[in-house]
Amino acid sequence: MSARPHIPSTLGPGLIVVPTLPGYRFVIAGLIALLAFSGGLSFFATGPITPIIIDHYAVSHSAVGLLTGLGALIHVVLAIPVSTLVGRVGLKKLVTFGALALSAPVLSFAATDSFALLLMTRAIFSLGFLVMFPASDPLFMQWFKPRELPVVNGLFIVSFSLGIATSTFVVAPLADVIGWETALSVFGGFSLVAALFWVALGRAGTVERSREPHATRDRVVSVMRSRVALLLAMADASAVTVLTVSLAWLPTYFSDVHGISLSKAGMLMGLMSVAGVFALVLASLLSLRVASRRPLIIIPGVVIGFAAFGTFLLADTPAVYLAVIALGLATWFYMPALMTLPMELYADDPARVSVIFAFLVGTSGVAMFVSPVTVGALFDITGSFVPGLALFAIVSWGLAIAGFLLPEAGPSKPDALEPLAVTLR
């Protein structure tokens, strides 16, 4: 008997499934968590070894910023088109493609003499993440009950953050032992193993879109004009910029400016990621008990800018540990609430939720592309990392501003389950 998601077929025109084997949802959760963890291993793996890569290829700081920025540019260009594949291509196939693309860094060992090939592996990896993220949300909505969504969203992000934490802790020491190219290939190998597990055990129902020829285009346009989607994008992009800049450039800043070893700098970044894991677990549990979503976005939004300034202004003092931990908490704590909010606002339209998350990925992609390249370019111009780091510390307060402006959702707001028609004009 094939396993199908345990959700009634009355959720609306966007979802058609058969409710059988509800216990299989725990297998699905485990598989997605494994994919998220393995993807997290490679996501910021180049940050702690950036000085090594610069020396190896003899490239500029702005050029090496493309290792993060190029993938983000792909998100900008392809996020919305990829989201429209949900309902046209089966979720099982979409997740399979994304999982295989996430394993592209396994080829890093072949990029010893080619910076362009290294960039290509990062670009393919980013495409895999781009496919995985929008496809996972309708998958969760199929398999899990509404009250379980905050927890499963938290599990997804916790697993991803654990992958980031693991790689930032071990990539520099591992590079010293087996070489940085091989270290990146090892992380890609984990993604390949996870992809094979998904191919063997993954199951998904069917998301069906309207058959009207302009329905997909109209939904995309509607989402992009939606006040809710724009505020969600502003919130996420504000936090993503400072997270990206910190993981991409703080190890180099600590090493070049303050004489901290790359291993210790990577340990600081790993500490930030571990704090993020703790924040995600706490936020996921609070989501089950706190009826309001907005405070879970606003509070870290206030903390984030102060913590970001502290990471580079206090680098020579023991207080840098507190700043790094606070930044890790703030840059991840908001995520379960942010991801759950559109699922609650549009509970009867999972295809629309998929487009919203693709829009978030696209706008965050702009932030991820601009931020590391900008910091690198400002360093090439001024000879200092401080202008770029300070700029994006200020930008990060957009998370709090968006949190204040977002509508409320959650158990205390049953009316929030109705789609919103508010648009910016």
Protein backbone atom coordinates (compact mmCIF):
# COMPACT_ATOMS: atom_id res chain seq x y z
CA MET A 1 0.00 0.00 0.00
CA SER A 2 1.37 3.41 -0.90
CA ALA A 3 1.58 6.02 1.82
CA ARG A 4 -0.41 9.17 1.22
CA PRO A 5 -0.71 12.33 3.34
CA HIS A 6 -3.23 12.24 6.18
CA ILE A 7 -5.23 15.36 5.32
CA PRO A 8 -8.89 15.48 4.26
CA SER A 9 -9.54 16.37 0.65
CA THR A 10 -11.72 19.30 1.77
CA LEU A 11 -8.90 21.80 2.23
CA GLY A 12 -9.81 23.51 -1.01
CA PRO A 13 -9.11 23.41 -4.73
CA GLY A 14 -5.34 23.58 -4.25
CA LEU A 15 -4.98 20.17 -2.59
CA ILE A 16 -6.21 16.71 -3.58
CA VAL A 17 -4.97 13.83 -1.43
CA VAL A 18 -6.11 10.50 -0.03
CA PRO A 19 -5.84 10.13 3.79
CA THR A 20 -4.02 6.86 4.42
CA LEU A 21 -1.15 5.75 6.70
CA PRO A 22 -1.05 8.93 8.83
CA GLY A 23 1.90 7.60 10.84
CA TYR A 24 4.09 7.86 7.75
CA ARG A 25 4.26 11.61 8.30
CA PHE A 26 7.05 10.97 10.81
CA VAL A 27 9.10 9.34 8.05
CA ILE A 28 8.46 12.38 5.84
CA ALA A 29 9.50 14.71 8.66
CA GLY A 30 12.71 12.73 9.17
CA LEU A 31 13.55 12.76 5.47
CA ILE A 32 12.99 16.50 5.11
CA ALA A 33 15.02 17.11 8.27
CA LEU A 34 17.87 15.03 6.82
CA LEU A 35 17.74 16.97 3.54
CA ALA A 36 17.69 20.27 5.42
CA PHE A 37 20.65 19.28 7.60
CA SER A 38 22.75 18.13 4.67
CA GLY A 39 21.89 21.31 2.76
CA GLY A 40 22.87 23.41 5.76
CA LEU A 41 26.30 21.75 5.77
CA SER A 42 27.14 23.37 2.43
CA PHE A 43 25.14 26.60 2.66
CA PHE A 44 27.77 28.83 4.33
CA ALA A 45 30.67 26.38 4.30
CA THR A 46 32.93 28.72 2.29
CA GLY A 47 32.68 31.55 4.85
CA PRO A 48 35.14 30.26 7.48
CA ILE A 49 37.69 29.36 4.77
CA THR A 50 37.32 32.51 2.66
CA PRO A 51 40.94 33.68 3.28
CA ILE A 52 42.21 30.29 2.08
CA ILE A 53 40.10 30.51 -1.09
CA ILE A 54 41.26 34.08 -1.76
CA ASP A 55 44.90 33.03 -1.46
CA HIS A 56 44.38 29.84 -3.49
CA TYR A 57 42.79 31.53 -6.51
CA ALA A 58 44.33 35.01 -6.02
CA VAL A 59 40.91 36.67 -6.42
CA SER A 60 39.55 39.89 -4.91
CA HIS A 61 37.29 40.10 -1.86
CA SER A 62 34.36 41.18 -4.03
CA ALA A 63 34.90 38.21 -6.37
CA VAL A 64 34.94 35.67 -3.56
CA GLY A 65 31.72 37.27 -2.29
CA LEU A 66 30.12 35.69 -5.36
CA LEU A 67 30.42 32.27 -3.70
CA THR A 68 27.44 33.37 -1.65
CA GLY A 69 26.05 36.09 -3.89
CA LEU A 70 25.79 34.11 -7.15
CA GLY A 71 23.46 31.57 -5.62
CA ALA A 72 21.35 34.37 -4.25
CA LEU A 73 21.13 35.91 -7.72
CA ILE A 74 19.78 32.61 -9.01
CA HIS A 75 17.10 32.80 -6.31
CA VAL A 76 16.17 36.28 -7.50
CA VAL A 77 15.76 35.25 -11.13
CA LEU A 78 14.16 31.83 -10.72
CA ALA A 79 12.22 31.87 -7.41
CA ILE A 80 8.80 32.72 -8.86
CA PRO A 81 9.13 30.54 -12.01
CA VAL A 82 10.19 27.57 -9.90
CA SER A 83 7.25 28.06 -7.54
CA THR A 84 4.83 27.73 -10.46
CA LEU A 85 6.08 24.18 -10.97
CA VAL A 86 4.17 23.15 -7.83
CA GLY A 87 1.03 21.60 -9.23
CA ARG A 88 2.58 21.08 -12.66
CA VAL A 89 5.33 18.71 -11.58
CA GLY A 90 4.73 16.19 -8.81
CA LEU A 91 6.04 17.13 -5.38
CA LYS A 92 8.02 13.88 -5.20
CA LYS A 93 9.84 14.77 -8.43
CA LEU A 94 10.42 18.38 -7.38
CA VAL A 95 11.92 17.43 -4.03
CA THR A 96 14.02 14.74 -5.73
CA PHE A 97 15.46 17.26 -8.19
CA GLY A 98 16.13 19.73 -5.41
CA ALA A 99 17.79 17.08 -3.26
CA LEU A 100 20.11 15.97 -6.07
CA ALA A 101 21.04 19.56 -6.90
CA LEU A 102 21.89 20.17 -3.24
CA SER A 103 24.63 17.56 -3.62
CA ALA A 104 26.50 19.56 -6.32
CA PRO A 105 29.29 20.59 -3.88
CA VAL A 106 30.41 16.94 -3.96
CA LEU A 107 32.28 18.02 -7.13
CA SER A 108 34.32 20.68 -5.29
CA PHE A 109 37.37 18.42 -5.31
CA ALA A 110 37.55 18.94 -9.09
CA ALA A 111 37.66 22.75 -8.77
CA THR A 112 41.26 22.97 -7.54
CA ASP A 113 42.36 24.89 -10.63
CA SER A 114 39.05 26.55 -11.56
CA PHE A 115 37.29 29.22 -9.54
CA ALA A 116 34.56 29.20 -12.21
CA LEU A 117 33.85 25.51 -11.55
CA LEU A 118 33.62 26.19 -7.83
CA LEU A 119 31.13 28.97 -8.56
CA MET A 120 29.14 26.55 -10.74
CA THR A 121 28.83 23.97 -7.96
CA ARG A 122 27.58 26.72 -5.65
CA ALA A 123 25.07 27.89 -8.27
CA ILE A 124 23.63 24.39 -8.78
CA PHE A 125 23.45 23.92 -5.01
CA SER A 126 21.49 27.17 -4.72
CA LEU A 127 19.07 26.01 -7.41
CA GLY A 128 18.45 22.86 -5.38
CA PHE A 129 17.66 24.89 -2.28
CA LEU A 130 15.39 27.10 -4.37
CA VAL A 131 13.38 24.06 -5.49
CA MET A 132 13.30 22.42 -2.07
CA PHE A 133 12.02 25.42 -0.12
CA PRO A 134 8.73 26.16 -1.99
CA ALA A 135 8.01 22.45 -2.49
CA SER A 136 8.41 21.57 1.19
CA ASP A 137 5.61 23.86 2.36
CA PRO A 138 2.76 22.21 0.40
CA LEU A 139 4.31 18.89 1.44
CA PHE A 140 4.02 19.85 5.10
CA MET A 141 0.46 21.08 4.57
CA GLN A 142 -0.44 17.68 3.10
CA TRP A 143 1.05 15.52 5.81
CA PHE A 144 0.59 17.53 9.01
CA LYS A 145 -2.36 18.94 10.88
CA PRO A 146 -2.52 22.75 11.22
CA ARG A 147 -1.56 22.67 14.90
CA GLU A 148 1.54 20.63 14.01
CA LEU A 149 2.83 23.07 11.38
CA PRO A 150 4.80 25.35 13.75
CA VAL A 151 6.64 22.31 15.10
CA VAL A 152 7.44 20.78 11.72
CA ASN A 153 8.49 24.16 10.34
CA GLY A 154 10.74 24.53 13.35
CA LEU A 155 12.18 21.05 12.77
CA PHE A 156 12.97 21.94 9.16
CA ILE A 157 14.80 25.14 10.11
CA VAL A 158 16.48 23.60 13.16
CA SER A 159 17.90 20.84 10.96
CA PHE A 160 19.10 23.40 8.43
CA SER A 161 20.68 25.52 11.18
CA LEU A 162 22.34 22.46 12.72
CA GLY A 163 23.94 21.77 9.36
CA ILE A 164 25.26 25.34 9.20
CA ALA A 165 26.53 25.11 12.80
CA THR A 166 28.29 21.81 12.12
CA SER A 167 30.06 23.01 8.99
CA THR A 168 31.14 26.33 10.48
CA PHE A 169 32.65 24.47 13.44
CA VAL A 170 34.51 21.82 11.45
CA VAL A 171 35.25 23.14 7.95
CA ALA A 172 38.46 25.01 8.86
CA PRO A 173 40.00 22.16 10.94
CA LEU A 174 38.82 19.66 8.33
CA ALA A 175 40.39 21.75 5.56
CA ASP A 176 43.71 21.65 7.42
CA VAL A 177 43.59 17.84 7.46
CA ILE A 178 42.16 16.87 4.05
CA GLY A 179 42.20 20.12 2.06
CA TRP A 180 39.44 22.68 1.67
CA GLU A 181 38.20 21.27 -1.67
CA THR A 182 37.79 17.79 -0.23
CA ALA A 183 36.08 19.18 2.86
CA LEU A 184 33.45 20.86 0.67
CA SER A 185 33.05 17.61 -1.28
CA VAL A 186 32.40 15.69 1.96
CA PHE A 187 29.53 18.05 2.79
CA GLY A 188 28.11 17.58 -0.71
CA GLY A 189 28.35 13.82 -0.22
CA PHE A 190 26.04 14.04 2.78
CA SER A 191 23.44 15.71 0.56
CA LEU A 192 23.79 12.96 -2.03
CA VAL A 193 23.13 10.29 0.61
CA ALA A 194 20.10 12.24 1.86
CA ALA A 195 18.79 12.49 -1.70
CA LEU A 196 19.02 8.72 -2.15
CA PHE A 197 17.05 8.20 1.07
CA TRP A 198 14.33 10.54 -0.23
CA VAL A 199 14.18 8.73 -3.59
CA ALA A 200 13.71 5.42 -1.79
CA LEU A 201 11.28 6.47 0.95
CA GLY A 202 9.72 9.83 0.04
CA ARG A 203 5.98 10.12 -0.63
CA ALA A 204 3.82 13.08 -1.66
CA GLY A 205 0.23 13.78 -2.61
CA THR A 206 -0.93 15.96 -5.49
CA VAL A 207 -1.24 19.73 -5.51
CA GLU A 208 -3.63 20.70 -8.30
CA ARG A 209 -3.77 24.19 -9.74
CA SER A 210 -6.71 25.82 -11.43
CA ARG A 211 -7.08 24.89 -15.10
CA GLU A 212 -7.77 28.47 -16.09
CA PRO A 213 -4.94 29.62 -18.40
CA HIS A 214 -4.16 32.82 -16.50
CA ALA A 215 -4.69 31.48 -12.98
CA THR A 216 -0.99 30.94 -12.28
CA ARG A 217 0.01 34.36 -13.59
CA ASP A 218 -2.80 36.05 -11.67
CA ARG A 219 -1.80 34.30 -8.45
CA VAL A 220 1.83 35.40 -8.84
CA VAL A 221 0.82 38.99 -9.54
CA SER A 222 -1.59 38.95 -6.61
CA VAL A 223 1.10 37.67 -4.25
CA MET A 224 3.66 40.21 -5.42
CA ARG A 225 1.17 43.04 -4.79
CA SER A 226 0.06 41.67 -1.43
CA ARG A 227 0.87 43.84 1.58
CA VAL A 228 1.33 40.70 3.68
CA ALA A 229 3.81 39.13 1.25
CA LEU A 230 5.79 42.37 0.95
CA LEU A 231 6.05 42.72 4.73
CA LEU A 232 7.05 39.07 5.14
CA ALA A 233 9.71 39.57 2.47
CA MET A 234 10.97 42.72 4.18
CA ALA A 235 11.21 40.92 7.52
CA ASP A 236 13.07 37.93 6.15
CA ALA A 237 15.42 39.89 3.88
CA SER A 238 16.40 42.24 6.71
CA ALA A 239 17.53 39.33 8.88
CA VAL A 240 19.05 37.35 6.03
CA THR A 241 21.36 40.21 5.04
CA VAL A 242 23.05 40.41 8.42
CA LEU A 243 23.20 36.61 8.75
CA THR A 244 24.78 36.29 5.30
CA VAL A 245 27.27 39.09 5.88
CA SER A 246 28.24 37.70 9.29
CA LEU A 247 28.83 34.13 8.13
CA ALA A 248 30.54 35.23 4.92
CA TRP A 249 32.87 37.95 6.26
CA LEU A 250 33.20 37.92 10.06
CA PRO A 251 35.71 35.02 10.04
CA THR A 252 37.90 36.97 7.62
CA TYR A 253 37.42 40.16 9.66
CA PHE A 254 38.38 38.36 12.88
CA SER A 255 41.41 36.79 11.20
CA ASP A 256 42.78 39.72 9.17
CA VAL A 257 42.00 42.59 11.56
CA HIS A 258 42.23 40.99 15.01
CA GLY A 259 44.63 38.12 14.40
CA ILE A 260 42.15 35.43 15.43
CA SER A 261 42.87 32.02 13.89
CA LEU A 262 40.47 30.72 11.26
CA SER A 263 39.64 27.76 13.50
CA LYS A 264 38.66 30.07 16.39
CA ALA A 265 36.78 32.39 14.01
CA GLY A 266 34.90 29.39 12.67
CA MET A 267 34.16 28.35 16.25
CA LEU A 268 32.60 31.77 16.89
CA MET A 269 30.42 31.37 13.81
CA GLY A 270 29.52 27.86 14.93
CA LEU A 271 28.55 29.26 18.31
CA MET A 272 26.27 31.72 16.55
CA SER A 273 24.64 28.87 14.63
CA VAL A 274 24.23 26.76 17.76
CA ALA A 275 22.50 29.71 19.42
CA GLY A 276 20.27 29.79 16.35
CA VAL A 277 19.34 26.15 16.85
CA PHE A 278 18.39 26.86 20.47
CA ALA A 279 16.36 29.87 19.33
CA LEU A 280 14.48 27.77 16.77
CA VAL A 281 13.60 25.07 19.29
CA LEU A 282 12.42 27.66 21.81
CA ALA A 283 10.45 29.61 19.19
CA SER A 284 8.79 26.44 17.88
CA LEU A 285 7.67 25.47 21.39
CA LEU A 286 6.46 29.00 22.11
CA SER A 287 4.44 28.94 18.88
CA LEU A 288 2.35 26.15 20.40
CA ARG A 289 1.62 28.15 23.56
CA VAL A 290 1.63 31.79 22.43
CA ALA A 291 -1.49 32.80 20.55
CA SER A 292 0.15 35.76 18.83
CA ARG A 293 2.75 35.52 16.04
CA ARG A 294 3.89 39.16 15.81
CA PRO A 295 5.82 39.36 19.12
CA LEU A 296 7.90 36.38 18.00
CA ILE A 297 9.03 38.53 15.06
CA ILE A 298 9.24 41.96 16.71
CA ILE A 299 11.35 41.00 19.74
CA PRO A 300 14.26 39.45 17.80
CA GLY A 301 13.89 42.31 15.32
CA VAL A 302 14.77 44.80 18.05
CA VAL A 303 17.73 42.75 19.33
CA ILE A 304 19.27 41.93 15.96
CA GLY A 305 20.82 45.30 15.07
CA PHE A 306 22.44 45.83 18.47
CA ALA A 307 23.88 42.32 18.37
CA ALA A 308 25.21 42.82 14.84
CA PHE A 309 27.08 45.98 15.85
CA GLY A 310 28.49 44.14 18.85
CA THR A 311 30.03 41.35 16.75
CA PHE A 312 32.57 43.68 15.14
CA LEU A 313 32.79 46.57 17.62
CA LEU A 314 33.51 44.19 20.53
CA ALA A 315 35.75 41.77 18.63
CA ASP A 316 38.74 42.43 20.92
CA THR A 317 36.76 41.79 24.11
CA PRO A 318 35.16 38.75 25.76
CA ALA A 319 31.80 40.45 25.14
CA VAL A 320 32.05 39.37 21.50
CA TYR A 321 30.83 35.94 22.64
CA LEU A 322 27.64 37.50 23.99
CA ALA A 323 27.17 39.51 20.79
CA VAL A 324 27.64 36.43 18.60
CA ILE A 325 25.18 34.41 20.69
CA ALA A 326 22.62 37.24 20.67
CA LEU A 327 22.92 37.56 16.90
CA GLY A 328 22.45 33.82 16.47
CA LEU A 329 19.33 33.93 18.62
CA ALA A 330 17.86 36.94 16.80
CA THR A 331 18.55 35.79 13.23
CA TRP A 332 16.71 32.49 13.70
CA PHE A 333 14.10 33.01 16.44
CA TYR A 334 11.59 34.71 14.13
CA MET A 335 11.60 31.97 11.48
CA PRO A 336 8.94 29.49 12.77
CA ALA A 337 6.43 32.32 13.24
CA LEU A 338 7.25 33.83 9.85
CA MET A 339 6.90 30.50 8.03
CA THR A 340 3.70 29.54 9.83
CA LEU A 341 1.93 32.87 9.39
CA PRO A 342 1.17 32.53 5.62
CA MET A 343 0.07 28.92 6.14
CA GLU A 344 -2.50 30.20 8.63
CA LEU A 345 -3.54 33.17 6.54
CA TYR A 346 -4.09 31.04 3.41
CA ALA A 347 -4.90 27.63 4.88
CA ASP A 348 -7.22 26.72 1.99
CA ASP A 349 -4.76 27.60 -0.80
CA PRO A 350 -1.41 25.75 -0.53
CA ALA A 351 -0.46 26.73 -4.09
CA ARG A 352 -0.63 30.39 -3.05
CA VAL A 353 1.48 29.61 0.02
CA SER A 354 4.08 28.07 -2.29
CA VAL A 355 4.22 31.27 -4.36
CA ILE A 356 4.53 33.37 -1.20
CA PHE A 357 7.51 31.36 -0.03
CA ALA A 358 9.06 31.55 -3.47
CA PHE A 359 8.61 35.33 -3.32
CA LEU A 360 10.37 35.32 0.06
CA VAL A 361 13.21 33.27 -1.37
CA GLY A 362 13.49 35.67 -4.31
CA THR A 363 13.57 38.83 -2.24
CA SER A 364 15.93 37.27 0.28
CA GLY A 365 18.03 36.23 -2.70
CA VAL A 366 18.40 39.89 -3.62
CA ALA A 367 19.59 40.57 -0.07
CA MET A 368 21.98 37.61 -0.10
CA PHE A 369 23.42 38.64 -3.45
CA VAL A 370 23.87 42.32 -2.63
CA SER A 371 25.12 42.07 0.95
CA PRO A 372 28.33 39.95 0.74
CA VAL A 373 29.39 41.51 -2.56
CA THR A 374 28.77 45.00 -1.14
CA VAL A 375 30.86 44.32 1.96
CA GLY A 376 33.66 42.96 -0.23
CA ALA A 377 33.46 45.92 -2.61
CA LEU A 378 33.48 48.43 0.25
CA PHE A 379 36.55 46.70 1.65
CA ASP A 380 38.29 46.95 -1.73
CA ILE A 381 37.47 50.68 -1.79
CA THR A 382 38.08 51.65 1.85
CA GLY A 383 40.39 48.93 3.12
CA SER A 384 38.01 48.27 6.03
CA PHE A 385 35.20 45.82 6.75
CA VAL A 386 33.49 48.21 9.19
CA PRO A 387 31.46 50.31 6.67
CA GLY A 388 29.83 47.23 5.15
CA LEU A 389 29.21 45.47 8.45
CA ALA A 390 27.70 48.63 9.95
CA LEU A 391 25.47 49.20 6.92
CA PHE A 392 23.82 45.80 7.17
CA ALA A 393 23.55 45.96 10.96
CA ILE A 394 21.29 49.00 10.41
CA VAL A 395 19.36 47.24 7.63
CA SER A 396 18.62 44.31 9.95
CA TRP A 397 16.23 46.46 12.04
CA GLY A 398 13.79 46.14 9.14
CA LEU A 399 12.77 42.85 10.80
CA ALA A 400 11.25 44.73 13.75
CA ILE A 401 9.59 47.34 11.50
CA ALA A 402 7.92 44.65 9.38
CA GLY A 403 6.84 42.79 12.50
CA PHE A 404 4.99 45.86 13.77
CA LEU A 405 3.19 46.27 10.43
CA LEU A 406 2.19 42.64 9.80
CA PRO A 407 -1.37 41.48 10.57
CA GLU A 408 -1.89 39.03 13.39
CA ALA A 409 -2.42 35.33 12.85
CA GLY A 410 -2.43 32.24 15.02
CA PRO A 411 -4.90 30.41 17.27
CA SER A 412 -6.20 33.66 18.76
CA LYS A 413 -7.22 34.96 15.33
CA PRO A 414 -9.53 32.49 13.57
CA ASP A 415 -10.47 35.21 11.14
CA ALA A 416 -6.86 35.32 10.02
CA LEU A 417 -7.42 32.03 8.25
CA GLU A 418 -9.32 33.94 5.58
CA PRO A 419 -7.22 35.18 2.64
CA LEU A 420 -6.30 38.82 2.78
CA ALA A 421 -7.09 41.11 -0.15
CA VAL A 422 -5.08 44.13 1.01
CA THR A 423 -2.73 45.43 -1.67
CA LEU A 424 -0.30 48.30 -2.04
CA ARG A 425 -1.30 50.76 -4.71
